[in-house]
Amino acid sequence: MKYISIDLEATGLDDDCLIIEFAAIPFDSADYKLDESLSFHTYVKCPTFEELKPKLSPWVIEHNEELIRKANERGPSLEQFKLDFERYLTSESIRSYREEERYVLFGKSLSAIDLPFLNRDLGSDFMKKHFYHRQLDLSSFAYALIDMNLLSKEMVGGEELMAFLGMDKVAHTALEDAINTAKMYFELLKKFTPS
């Protein structure tokens, strides 16, 4: 099947946190290929790091200060992000890539993190217009493999799963994480698909 792997970075995981970076890349699970020339990446405008800092978690302060500064300085407004993403989704190169009327989303922790943020910020009408309500979440897939005793319980985390698959560490940048999540799925399919 063909999917669009997405990832976003935010100022935290709470409902009122802000998207600061977003990326998408299509891939085909039939041939384990993704085309980086078809990727989409953007920062999303946010307040300054100094304005946000009092509400940020220690982890975000330690790991995402530079990302927040880039989003503040370089990111388009949320409305412009929505327009840019729609332009990408309706472009001929991406439309010719899909197999169905709408796209099937793929990601890690997609259901818990990415979709709630995107539904809130892009709106449910936008999401229903471009994406099927069915999606593939790598975390859910990993849980299924754990339930089948094919993976140990620790493998549901991104760092652990990447180490198990012999990959580099989680980057915590949207485009690299969207790419690596698709690559993890490829590796799991190769490992557990019967010959």
N, C-alpha and C. Protein backbone atom coordinates (compact mmCIF):
# COMPACT_ATOMS: atom_id res chain seq x y z
N MET A 1 0.83 -1.19 0.00
CA MET A 1 0.00 0.00 0.00
C MET A 1 0.87 1.25 0.00
N LYS A 2 0.23 2.34 -0.37
CA LYS A 2 0.93 3.63 -0.34
C LYS A 2 0.39 4.48 0.81
N TYR A 3 1.29 5.15 1.48
CA TYR A 3 0.97 5.96 2.65
C TYR A 3 1.69 7.30 2.55
N ILE A 4 1.28 8.22 3.43
CA ILE A 4 2.08 9.43 3.66
C ILE A 4 2.52 9.37 5.12
N SER A 5 3.83 9.27 5.30
CA SER A 5 4.40 9.26 6.65
C SER A 5 4.52 10.70 7.11
N ILE A 6 3.99 10.98 8.29
CA ILE A 6 4.06 12.34 8.82
C ILE A 6 4.69 12.33 10.21
N ASP A 7 5.21 13.48 10.58
CA ASP A 7 5.70 13.68 11.93
C ASP A 7 5.62 15.16 12.23
N LEU A 8 5.38 15.47 13.49
CA LEU A 8 5.42 16.87 13.90
C LEU A 8 6.18 16.99 15.20
N GLU A 9 6.74 18.15 15.39
CA GLU A 9 7.36 18.51 16.65
C GLU A 9 6.52 19.63 17.25
N ALA A 10 6.40 19.63 18.57
CA ALA A 10 5.53 20.60 19.23
C ALA A 10 6.20 21.13 20.49
N THR A 11 5.57 22.11 21.09
CA THR A 11 6.11 22.70 22.33
C THR A 11 5.82 21.82 23.54
N GLY A 12 5.23 20.68 23.32
CA GLY A 12 4.91 19.73 24.38
C GLY A 12 3.81 18.82 23.91
N LEU A 13 3.25 18.04 24.81
CA LEU A 13 2.22 17.07 24.45
C LEU A 13 0.84 17.43 24.99
N ASP A 14 0.73 18.52 25.73
CA ASP A 14 -0.56 18.93 26.29
C ASP A 14 -1.45 19.51 25.20
N ASP A 15 -2.75 19.57 25.46
CA ASP A 15 -3.72 20.03 24.47
C ASP A 15 -3.46 21.45 23.97
N ASP A 16 -2.88 22.29 24.81
CA ASP A 16 -2.66 23.69 24.41
C ASP A 16 -1.27 23.94 23.82
N CYS A 17 -0.49 22.89 23.59
CA CYS A 17 0.85 23.05 23.02
C CYS A 17 0.74 23.34 21.52
N LEU A 18 1.81 23.86 20.96
CA LEU A 18 1.81 24.35 19.59
C LEU A 18 2.67 23.48 18.68
N ILE A 19 2.19 23.28 17.45
CA ILE A 19 3.03 22.65 16.43
C ILE A 19 4.11 23.65 16.03
N ILE A 20 5.36 23.20 16.01
CA ILE A 20 6.45 24.09 15.60
C ILE A 20 7.18 23.58 14.36
N GLU A 21 7.00 22.31 14.01
CA GLU A 21 7.63 21.76 12.82
C GLU A 21 6.77 20.61 12.32
N PHE A 22 6.68 20.46 11.00
CA PHE A 22 5.85 19.40 10.41
C PHE A 22 6.53 18.90 9.15
N ALA A 23 6.41 17.59 8.91
CA ALA A 23 6.95 17.00 7.69
C ALA A 23 6.08 15.85 7.23
N ALA A 24 6.12 15.60 5.92
CA ALA A 24 5.38 14.49 5.32
C ALA A 24 6.21 13.94 4.16
N ILE A 25 6.12 12.63 3.98
CA ILE A 25 6.80 11.99 2.85
C ILE A 25 6.01 10.75 2.46
N PRO A 26 5.70 10.60 1.15
CA PRO A 26 4.97 9.40 0.73
C PRO A 26 5.89 8.20 0.62
N PHE A 27 5.31 7.02 0.84
CA PHE A 27 6.09 5.80 0.65
C PHE A 27 5.19 4.66 0.22
N ASP A 28 5.84 3.65 -0.37
CA ASP A 28 5.15 2.48 -0.87
C ASP A 28 5.65 1.26 -0.12
N SER A 29 4.77 0.59 0.61
CA SER A 29 5.18 -0.59 1.39
C SER A 29 5.43 -1.80 0.50
N ALA A 30 4.95 -1.77 -0.74
CA ALA A 30 5.14 -2.90 -1.64
C ALA A 30 6.59 -3.06 -2.06
N ASP A 31 7.27 -1.94 -2.26
CA ASP A 31 8.67 -2.02 -2.71
C ASP A 31 9.65 -1.37 -1.74
N TYR A 32 9.16 -1.03 -0.54
CA TYR A 32 10.01 -0.44 0.50
C TYR A 32 10.71 0.83 0.02
N LYS A 33 10.00 1.66 -0.74
CA LYS A 33 10.62 2.87 -1.28
C LYS A 33 9.91 4.11 -0.79
N LEU A 34 10.71 5.11 -0.49
CA LEU A 34 10.18 6.44 -0.26
C LEU A 34 11.01 7.41 -1.09
N ASP A 35 10.36 8.44 -1.55
CA ASP A 35 10.99 9.38 -2.46
C ASP A 35 11.17 10.72 -1.74
N GLU A 36 12.40 10.99 -1.33
CA GLU A 36 12.66 12.22 -0.57
C GLU A 36 12.40 13.48 -1.39
N SER A 37 12.42 13.37 -2.72
CA SER A 37 12.13 14.54 -3.55
C SER A 37 10.66 14.94 -3.45
N LEU A 38 9.82 14.04 -2.93
CA LEU A 38 8.39 14.32 -2.77
C LEU A 38 8.04 14.71 -1.34
N SER A 39 9.04 15.01 -0.53
CA SER A 39 8.78 15.35 0.88
C SER A 39 8.28 16.78 1.02
N PHE A 40 7.63 17.01 2.15
CA PHE A 40 7.14 18.34 2.52
C PHE A 40 7.67 18.63 3.92
N HIS A 41 8.23 19.79 4.13
CA HIS A 41 8.76 20.17 5.43
C HIS A 41 8.53 21.66 5.67
N THR A 42 8.12 21.99 6.88
CA THR A 42 7.98 23.39 7.24
C THR A 42 8.09 23.55 8.76
N TYR A 43 8.55 24.73 9.15
CA TYR A 43 8.38 25.15 10.53
C TYR A 43 7.03 25.82 10.60
N VAL A 44 6.50 26.04 11.80
CA VAL A 44 5.24 26.74 11.98
C VAL A 44 5.48 27.83 13.02
N LYS A 45 5.11 29.04 12.67
CA LYS A 45 5.35 30.22 13.52
C LYS A 45 4.81 30.00 14.93
N CYS A 46 5.60 30.39 15.91
CA CYS A 46 5.20 30.31 17.31
C CYS A 46 5.77 31.52 18.03
N PRO A 47 5.32 31.80 19.26
CA PRO A 47 5.94 32.87 20.04
C PRO A 47 7.42 32.60 20.28
N THR A 48 8.13 33.56 20.79
CA THR A 48 9.56 33.40 21.06
C THR A 48 9.79 32.36 22.15
N PHE A 49 10.98 31.82 22.17
CA PHE A 49 11.35 30.85 23.20
C PHE A 49 11.18 31.47 24.59
N GLU A 50 11.59 32.72 24.73
CA GLU A 50 11.48 33.40 26.04
C GLU A 50 10.03 33.51 26.49
N GLU A 51 9.12 33.77 25.55
CA GLU A 51 7.70 33.86 25.89
C GLU A 51 7.14 32.49 26.29
N LEU A 52 7.59 31.46 25.61
CA LEU A 52 7.06 30.11 25.85
C LEU A 52 7.68 29.42 27.07
N LYS A 53 8.91 29.77 27.40
CA LYS A 53 9.71 29.03 28.38
C LYS A 53 9.00 28.76 29.71
N PRO A 54 8.27 29.73 30.30
CA PRO A 54 7.63 29.43 31.59
C PRO A 54 6.66 28.25 31.56
N LYS A 55 6.10 27.93 30.39
CA LYS A 55 5.14 26.83 30.30
C LYS A 55 5.73 25.55 29.71
N LEU A 56 7.00 25.58 29.33
CA LEU A 56 7.62 24.42 28.69
C LEU A 56 8.12 23.42 29.71
N SER A 57 8.07 22.14 29.34
CA SER A 57 8.60 21.09 30.21
C SER A 57 10.13 21.15 30.17
N PRO A 58 10.79 20.60 31.20
CA PRO A 58 12.26 20.57 31.18
C PRO A 58 12.82 19.88 29.95
N TRP A 59 12.17 18.80 29.47
CA TRP A 59 12.66 18.09 28.30
C TRP A 59 12.63 19.00 27.07
N VAL A 60 11.53 19.72 26.88
CA VAL A 60 11.40 20.61 25.72
C VAL A 60 12.43 21.74 25.81
N ILE A 61 12.63 22.28 26.99
CA ILE A 61 13.62 23.34 27.17
C ILE A 61 15.01 22.83 26.79
N GLU A 62 15.33 21.63 27.23
CA GLU A 62 16.67 21.08 26.98
C GLU A 62 16.86 20.67 25.52
N HIS A 63 15.82 20.10 24.89
CA HIS A 63 16.00 19.52 23.56
C HIS A 63 15.47 20.35 22.39
N ASN A 64 14.51 21.24 22.63
CA ASN A 64 13.85 21.91 21.51
C ASN A 64 14.01 23.42 21.47
N GLU A 65 14.92 23.98 22.26
CA GLU A 65 15.09 25.43 22.23
C GLU A 65 15.43 25.92 20.82
N GLU A 66 16.40 25.28 20.18
CA GLU A 66 16.82 25.70 18.83
C GLU A 66 15.67 25.57 17.84
N LEU A 67 14.90 24.49 17.95
CA LEU A 67 13.77 24.27 17.06
C LEU A 67 12.70 25.35 17.26
N ILE A 68 12.43 25.71 18.50
CA ILE A 68 11.45 26.77 18.78
C ILE A 68 11.93 28.09 18.21
N ARG A 69 13.22 28.38 18.35
CA ARG A 69 13.77 29.63 17.80
C ARG A 69 13.64 29.64 16.27
N LYS A 70 13.91 28.51 15.62
CA LYS A 70 13.76 28.43 14.15
C LYS A 70 12.30 28.63 13.75
N ALA A 71 11.38 28.01 14.49
CA ALA A 71 9.96 28.14 14.18
C ALA A 71 9.51 29.59 14.31
N ASN A 72 9.96 30.25 15.36
CA ASN A 72 9.61 31.65 15.57
C ASN A 72 10.16 32.54 14.46
N GLU A 73 11.39 32.29 14.05
CA GLU A 73 12.05 33.16 13.07
C GLU A 73 11.66 32.83 11.62
N ARG A 74 11.49 31.54 11.31
CA ARG A 74 11.33 31.13 9.91
C ARG A 74 9.94 30.62 9.55
N GLY A 75 9.17 30.25 10.56
CA GLY A 75 7.91 29.55 10.28
C GLY A 75 6.82 30.45 9.73
N PRO A 76 6.06 29.92 8.77
CA PRO A 76 4.87 30.64 8.30
C PRO A 76 3.78 30.57 9.37
N SER A 77 2.79 31.41 9.24
CA SER A 77 1.65 31.36 10.15
C SER A 77 0.95 30.02 10.01
N LEU A 78 0.11 29.69 10.97
CA LEU A 78 -0.65 28.44 10.92
C LEU A 78 -1.53 28.41 9.67
N GLU A 79 -2.13 29.54 9.34
CA GLU A 79 -2.98 29.60 8.15
C GLU A 79 -2.17 29.37 6.88
N GLN A 80 -0.96 29.93 6.82
CA GLN A 80 -0.11 29.73 5.65
C GLN A 80 0.37 28.27 5.57
N PHE A 81 0.68 27.68 6.71
CA PHE A 81 1.04 26.25 6.76
C PHE A 81 -0.08 25.41 6.16
N LYS A 82 -1.31 25.70 6.55
CA LYS A 82 -2.46 24.97 6.03
C LYS A 82 -2.55 25.11 4.51
N LEU A 83 -2.39 26.32 4.00
CA LEU A 83 -2.43 26.56 2.55
C LEU A 83 -1.29 25.83 1.84
N ASP A 84 -0.09 25.90 2.41
CA ASP A 84 1.08 25.25 1.81
C ASP A 84 0.91 23.73 1.78
N PHE A 85 0.39 23.18 2.86
CA PHE A 85 0.20 21.73 2.94
C PHE A 85 -0.87 21.28 1.95
N GLU A 86 -1.93 22.06 1.82
CA GLU A 86 -2.98 21.71 0.86
C GLU A 86 -2.43 21.79 -0.57
N ARG A 87 -1.63 22.78 -0.85
CA ARG A 87 -1.00 22.90 -2.17
C ARG A 87 -0.14 21.66 -2.46
N TYR A 88 0.59 21.22 -1.45
CA TYR A 88 1.42 20.01 -1.58
C TYR A 88 0.54 18.79 -1.86
N LEU A 89 -0.53 18.61 -1.06
CA LEU A 89 -1.38 17.42 -1.20
C LEU A 89 -2.12 17.37 -2.53
N THR A 90 -2.38 18.53 -3.11
CA THR A 90 -3.12 18.57 -4.38
C THR A 90 -2.20 18.74 -5.58
N SER A 91 -0.90 18.77 -5.36
CA SER A 91 0.04 18.88 -6.47
C SER A 91 0.01 17.60 -7.31
N GLU A 92 0.30 17.74 -8.59
CA GLU A 92 0.24 16.59 -9.50
C GLU A 92 1.18 15.47 -9.08
N SER A 93 2.38 15.82 -8.63
CA SER A 93 3.36 14.78 -8.27
C SER A 93 2.89 13.93 -7.10
N ILE A 94 2.20 14.53 -6.15
CA ILE A 94 1.71 13.77 -5.00
C ILE A 94 0.40 13.07 -5.34
N ARG A 95 -0.49 13.75 -6.04
CA ARG A 95 -1.77 13.14 -6.40
C ARG A 95 -1.56 11.90 -7.26
N SER A 96 -0.59 11.93 -8.14
CA SER A 96 -0.35 10.77 -9.00
C SER A 96 0.27 9.61 -8.20
N TYR A 97 0.77 9.91 -7.03
CA TYR A 97 1.39 8.90 -6.18
C TYR A 97 0.36 8.06 -5.45
N ARG A 98 -0.76 8.67 -5.09
CA ARG A 98 -1.74 7.95 -4.27
C ARG A 98 -2.52 6.93 -5.10
N GLU A 99 -3.07 5.95 -4.39
CA GLU A 99 -3.83 4.88 -5.05
C GLU A 99 -5.34 5.10 -4.93
N GLU A 100 -5.75 5.86 -3.94
CA GLU A 100 -7.17 6.02 -3.67
C GLU A 100 -7.54 7.50 -3.74
N GLU A 101 -8.80 7.80 -3.45
CA GLU A 101 -9.30 9.16 -3.53
C GLU A 101 -8.62 10.09 -2.52
N ARG A 102 -8.35 9.54 -1.32
CA ARG A 102 -7.68 10.30 -0.28
C ARG A 102 -6.44 9.55 0.17
N TYR A 103 -5.66 10.18 1.00
CA TYR A 103 -4.41 9.59 1.46
C TYR A 103 -4.62 8.80 2.75
N VAL A 104 -3.77 7.80 2.95
CA VAL A 104 -3.75 7.05 4.21
C VAL A 104 -2.52 7.54 4.98
N LEU A 105 -2.74 8.05 6.18
CA LEU A 105 -1.65 8.57 7.00
C LEU A 105 -0.94 7.45 7.74
N PHE A 106 0.35 7.68 7.96
CA PHE A 106 1.19 6.75 8.69
C PHE A 106 2.07 7.57 9.62
N GLY A 107 2.35 7.05 10.81
CA GLY A 107 3.26 7.74 11.73
C GLY A 107 3.46 6.93 12.99
N LYS A 108 4.30 7.44 13.84
CA LYS A 108 4.54 6.80 15.14
C LYS A 108 3.79 7.61 16.19
N SER A 109 2.98 6.95 16.97
CA SER A 109 2.11 7.62 17.95
C SER A 109 1.17 8.60 17.25
N LEU A 110 0.80 8.25 16.04
CA LEU A 110 -0.06 9.08 15.20
C LEU A 110 -1.40 9.39 15.87
N SER A 111 -2.03 8.35 16.41
CA SER A 111 -3.35 8.51 17.01
C SER A 111 -3.34 9.37 18.26
N ALA A 112 -2.26 9.27 19.02
CA ALA A 112 -2.20 9.97 20.31
C ALA A 112 -1.69 11.39 20.19
N ILE A 113 -0.81 11.67 19.23
CA ILE A 113 -0.15 12.98 19.18
C ILE A 113 -0.48 13.74 17.89
N ASP A 114 -0.06 13.20 16.75
CA ASP A 114 -0.15 13.96 15.50
C ASP A 114 -1.59 14.29 15.09
N LEU A 115 -2.46 13.29 15.08
CA LEU A 115 -3.83 13.53 14.62
C LEU A 115 -4.60 14.53 15.49
N PRO A 116 -4.54 14.44 16.82
CA PRO A 116 -5.25 15.46 17.60
C PRO A 116 -4.75 16.89 17.31
N PHE A 117 -3.44 17.06 17.17
CA PHE A 117 -2.91 18.39 16.87
C PHE A 117 -3.36 18.86 15.48
N LEU A 118 -3.29 17.97 14.48
CA LEU A 118 -3.67 18.36 13.12
C LEU A 118 -5.16 18.61 12.99
N ASN A 119 -5.98 17.78 13.66
CA ASN A 119 -7.43 18.03 13.65
C ASN A 119 -7.75 19.39 14.26
N ARG A 120 -7.06 19.72 15.33
CA ARG A 120 -7.28 21.01 15.99
C ARG A 120 -6.84 22.16 15.10
N ASP A 121 -5.63 22.08 14.53
CA ASP A 121 -5.05 23.23 13.84
C ASP A 121 -5.41 23.34 12.36
N LEU A 122 -5.65 22.21 11.70
CA LEU A 122 -6.04 22.27 10.29
C LEU A 122 -7.56 22.14 10.13
N GLY A 123 -8.21 21.62 11.15
CA GLY A 123 -9.66 21.48 11.12
C GLY A 123 -10.10 20.12 10.60
N SER A 124 -11.20 19.63 11.14
CA SER A 124 -11.68 18.30 10.75
C SER A 124 -12.12 18.27 9.29
N ASP A 125 -12.63 19.38 8.74
CA ASP A 125 -13.02 19.40 7.33
C ASP A 125 -11.81 19.19 6.43
N PHE A 126 -10.70 19.85 6.75
CA PHE A 126 -9.46 19.67 5.98
C PHE A 126 -9.00 18.23 6.06
N MET A 127 -8.99 17.66 7.25
CA MET A 127 -8.50 16.30 7.45
C MET A 127 -9.39 15.29 6.72
N LYS A 128 -10.71 15.46 6.78
CA LYS A 128 -11.63 14.55 6.11
C LYS A 128 -11.53 14.68 4.59
N LYS A 129 -11.25 15.88 4.12
CA LYS A 129 -11.12 16.11 2.68
C LYS A 129 -9.92 15.37 2.10
N HIS A 130 -8.81 15.33 2.83
CA HIS A 130 -7.56 14.82 2.28
C HIS A 130 -7.15 13.43 2.77
N PHE A 131 -7.69 13.00 3.93
CA PHE A 131 -7.21 11.75 4.53
C PHE A 131 -8.36 10.83 4.92
N TYR A 132 -8.13 9.54 4.76
CA TYR A 132 -9.09 8.56 5.25
C TYR A 132 -9.06 8.53 6.77
N HIS A 133 -10.18 8.13 7.37
CA HIS A 133 -10.21 8.01 8.83
C HIS A 133 -9.38 6.83 9.31
N ARG A 134 -9.11 5.89 8.42
CA ARG A 134 -8.22 4.78 8.76
C ARG A 134 -6.78 5.24 8.57
N GLN A 135 -5.91 4.84 9.47
CA GLN A 135 -4.49 5.17 9.35
C GLN A 135 -3.67 4.04 9.94
N LEU A 136 -2.36 4.09 9.71
CA LEU A 136 -1.47 3.07 10.24
C LEU A 136 -0.52 3.73 11.22
N ASP A 137 -0.55 3.27 12.45
CA ASP A 137 0.26 3.81 13.53
C ASP A 137 1.34 2.79 13.88
N LEU A 138 2.61 3.16 13.74
CA LEU A 138 3.71 2.24 13.99
C LEU A 138 3.70 1.74 15.43
N SER A 139 3.32 2.58 16.38
CA SER A 139 3.25 2.14 17.78
C SER A 139 2.23 1.02 17.95
N SER A 140 1.08 1.15 17.30
CA SER A 140 0.06 0.10 17.38
C SER A 140 0.54 -1.18 16.72
N PHE A 141 1.23 -1.03 15.59
CA PHE A 141 1.80 -2.19 14.90
C PHE A 141 2.82 -2.90 15.80
N ALA A 142 3.65 -2.12 16.50
CA ALA A 142 4.64 -2.70 17.42
C ALA A 142 3.95 -3.44 18.56
N TYR A 143 2.87 -2.86 19.10
CA TYR A 143 2.12 -3.56 20.16
C TYR A 143 1.58 -4.89 19.65
N ALA A 144 1.10 -4.93 18.41
CA ALA A 144 0.59 -6.18 17.86
C ALA A 144 1.72 -7.22 17.77
N LEU A 145 2.90 -6.79 17.35
CA LEU A 145 4.04 -7.71 17.27
C LEU A 145 4.46 -8.19 18.67
N ILE A 146 4.34 -7.32 19.66
CA ILE A 146 4.63 -7.70 21.04
C ILE A 146 3.62 -8.75 21.50
N ASP A 147 2.33 -8.52 21.19
CA ASP A 147 1.29 -9.48 21.57
C ASP A 147 1.49 -10.84 20.91
N MET A 148 2.12 -10.85 19.74
CA MET A 148 2.40 -12.11 19.04
C MET A 148 3.74 -12.71 19.47
N ASN A 149 4.35 -12.11 20.51
CA ASN A 149 5.66 -12.56 21.02
C ASN A 149 6.76 -12.50 19.96
N LEU A 150 6.65 -11.55 19.06
CA LEU A 150 7.68 -11.35 18.03
C LEU A 150 8.64 -10.23 18.41
N LEU A 151 8.20 -9.37 19.31
CA LEU A 151 9.04 -8.30 19.85
C LEU A 151 8.93 -8.32 21.36
N SER A 152 9.98 -7.87 22.04
CA SER A 152 9.89 -7.74 23.50
C SER A 152 9.14 -6.46 23.84
N LYS A 153 8.65 -6.38 25.07
CA LYS A 153 7.80 -5.26 25.49
C LYS A 153 8.48 -3.90 25.36
N GLU A 154 9.81 -3.86 25.47
CA GLU A 154 10.53 -2.57 25.40
C GLU A 154 10.52 -1.98 24.00
N MET A 155 10.19 -2.76 23.00
CA MET A 155 10.36 -2.33 21.61
C MET A 155 9.30 -1.34 21.13
N VAL A 156 8.38 -0.97 21.98
CA VAL A 156 7.35 -0.03 21.54
C VAL A 156 7.90 1.41 21.47
N GLY A 157 8.96 1.71 22.20
CA GLY A 157 9.56 3.04 22.15
C GLY A 157 10.42 3.21 20.91
N GLY A 158 10.44 4.41 20.37
CA GLY A 158 11.19 4.68 19.15
C GLY A 158 12.67 4.39 19.26
N GLU A 159 13.29 4.83 20.35
CA GLU A 159 14.74 4.61 20.53
C GLU A 159 15.05 3.12 20.58
N GLU A 160 14.26 2.37 21.33
CA GLU A 160 14.49 0.95 21.49
C GLU A 160 14.27 0.19 20.18
N LEU A 161 13.21 0.58 19.48
CA LEU A 161 12.90 -0.08 18.21
C LEU A 161 13.98 0.20 17.18
N MET A 162 14.47 1.44 17.12
CA MET A 162 15.52 1.77 16.17
C MET A 162 16.81 1.02 16.49
N ALA A 163 17.13 0.91 17.77
CA ALA A 163 18.34 0.17 18.17
C ALA A 163 18.19 -1.31 17.79
N PHE A 164 17.03 -1.89 18.04
CA PHE A 164 16.76 -3.28 17.70
C PHE A 164 16.92 -3.52 16.20
N LEU A 165 16.54 -2.53 15.39
CA LEU A 165 16.61 -2.66 13.94
C LEU A 165 17.95 -2.21 13.36
N GLY A 166 18.89 -1.82 14.26
CA GLY A 166 20.22 -1.42 13.81
C GLY A 166 20.25 -0.05 13.15
N MET A 167 19.33 0.83 13.57
CA MET A 167 19.26 2.17 12.99
C MET A 167 19.83 3.19 13.97
N ASP A 168 20.06 4.40 13.47
CA ASP A 168 20.54 5.49 14.32
C ASP A 168 19.48 5.89 15.33
N LYS A 169 19.83 6.84 16.19
CA LYS A 169 18.90 7.31 17.23
C LYS A 169 17.80 8.19 16.64
N VAL A 170 16.71 8.35 17.40
CA VAL A 170 15.61 9.22 17.01
C VAL A 170 16.16 10.65 16.92
N ALA A 171 15.84 11.32 15.83
CA ALA A 171 16.40 12.65 15.57
C ALA A 171 15.61 13.76 16.26
N HIS A 172 14.31 13.57 16.45
CA HIS A 172 13.41 14.60 16.97
C HIS A 172 13.41 15.84 16.07
N THR A 173 13.57 15.60 14.77
CA THR A 173 13.25 16.62 13.76
C THR A 173 12.19 15.99 12.87
N ALA A 174 11.24 16.77 12.44
CA ALA A 174 10.06 16.20 11.80
C ALA A 174 10.36 15.39 10.54
N LEU A 175 11.16 15.92 9.62
CA LEU A 175 11.39 15.20 8.38
C LEU A 175 12.19 13.92 8.62
N GLU A 176 13.24 14.01 9.39
CA GLU A 176 14.05 12.82 9.65
C GLU A 176 13.24 11.76 10.38
N ASP A 177 12.39 12.18 11.31
CA ASP A 177 11.56 11.20 12.03
C ASP A 177 10.50 10.59 11.12
N ALA A 178 9.92 11.38 10.21
CA ALA A 178 8.94 10.83 9.26
C ALA A 178 9.60 9.78 8.37
N ILE A 179 10.81 10.07 7.92
CA ILE A 179 11.57 9.13 7.08
C ILE A 179 11.93 7.88 7.88
N ASN A 180 12.48 8.07 9.07
CA ASN A 180 12.92 6.92 9.88
C ASN A 180 11.77 6.04 10.33
N THR A 181 10.61 6.63 10.57
CA THR A 181 9.45 5.84 10.96
C THR A 181 9.04 4.92 9.81
N ALA A 182 9.05 5.44 8.59
CA ALA A 182 8.76 4.61 7.43
C ALA A 182 9.81 3.51 7.28
N LYS A 183 11.08 3.86 7.47
CA LYS A 183 12.15 2.86 7.36
C LYS A 183 12.02 1.77 8.43
N MET A 184 11.60 2.16 9.64
CA MET A 184 11.37 1.14 10.68
C MET A 184 10.28 0.17 10.25
N TYR A 185 9.23 0.72 9.65
CA TYR A 185 8.13 -0.14 9.18
C TYR A 185 8.64 -1.10 8.10
N PHE A 186 9.44 -0.60 7.17
CA PHE A 186 10.03 -1.47 6.14
C PHE A 186 10.81 -2.62 6.79
N GLU A 187 11.65 -2.26 7.77
CA GLU A 187 12.49 -3.28 8.41
C GLU A 187 11.67 -4.31 9.17
N LEU A 188 10.60 -3.86 9.82
CA LEU A 188 9.73 -4.80 10.53
C LEU A 188 9.00 -5.71 9.54
N LEU A 189 8.55 -5.16 8.42
CA LEU A 189 7.90 -5.99 7.41
C LEU A 189 8.87 -7.04 6.87
N LYS A 190 10.09 -6.62 6.57
CA LYS A 190 11.09 -7.56 6.06
C LYS A 190 11.39 -8.67 7.07
N LYS A 191 11.46 -8.26 8.34
CA LYS A 191 11.83 -9.20 9.40
C LYS A 191 10.74 -10.23 9.68
N PHE A 192 9.48 -9.79 9.62
CA PHE A 192 8.40 -10.66 10.07
C PHE A 192 7.46 -11.14 8.97
N THR A 193 7.71 -10.78 7.72
CA THR A 193 6.89 -11.31 6.64
C THR A 193 7.43 -12.68 6.23
N PRO A 194 6.59 -13.71 6.23
CA PRO A 194 7.07 -15.03 5.83
C PRO A 194 7.60 -15.02 4.40
N SER A 195 8.63 -15.79 4.15
CA SER A 195 9.24 -15.85 2.80
C SER A 195 8.33 -16.57 1.83
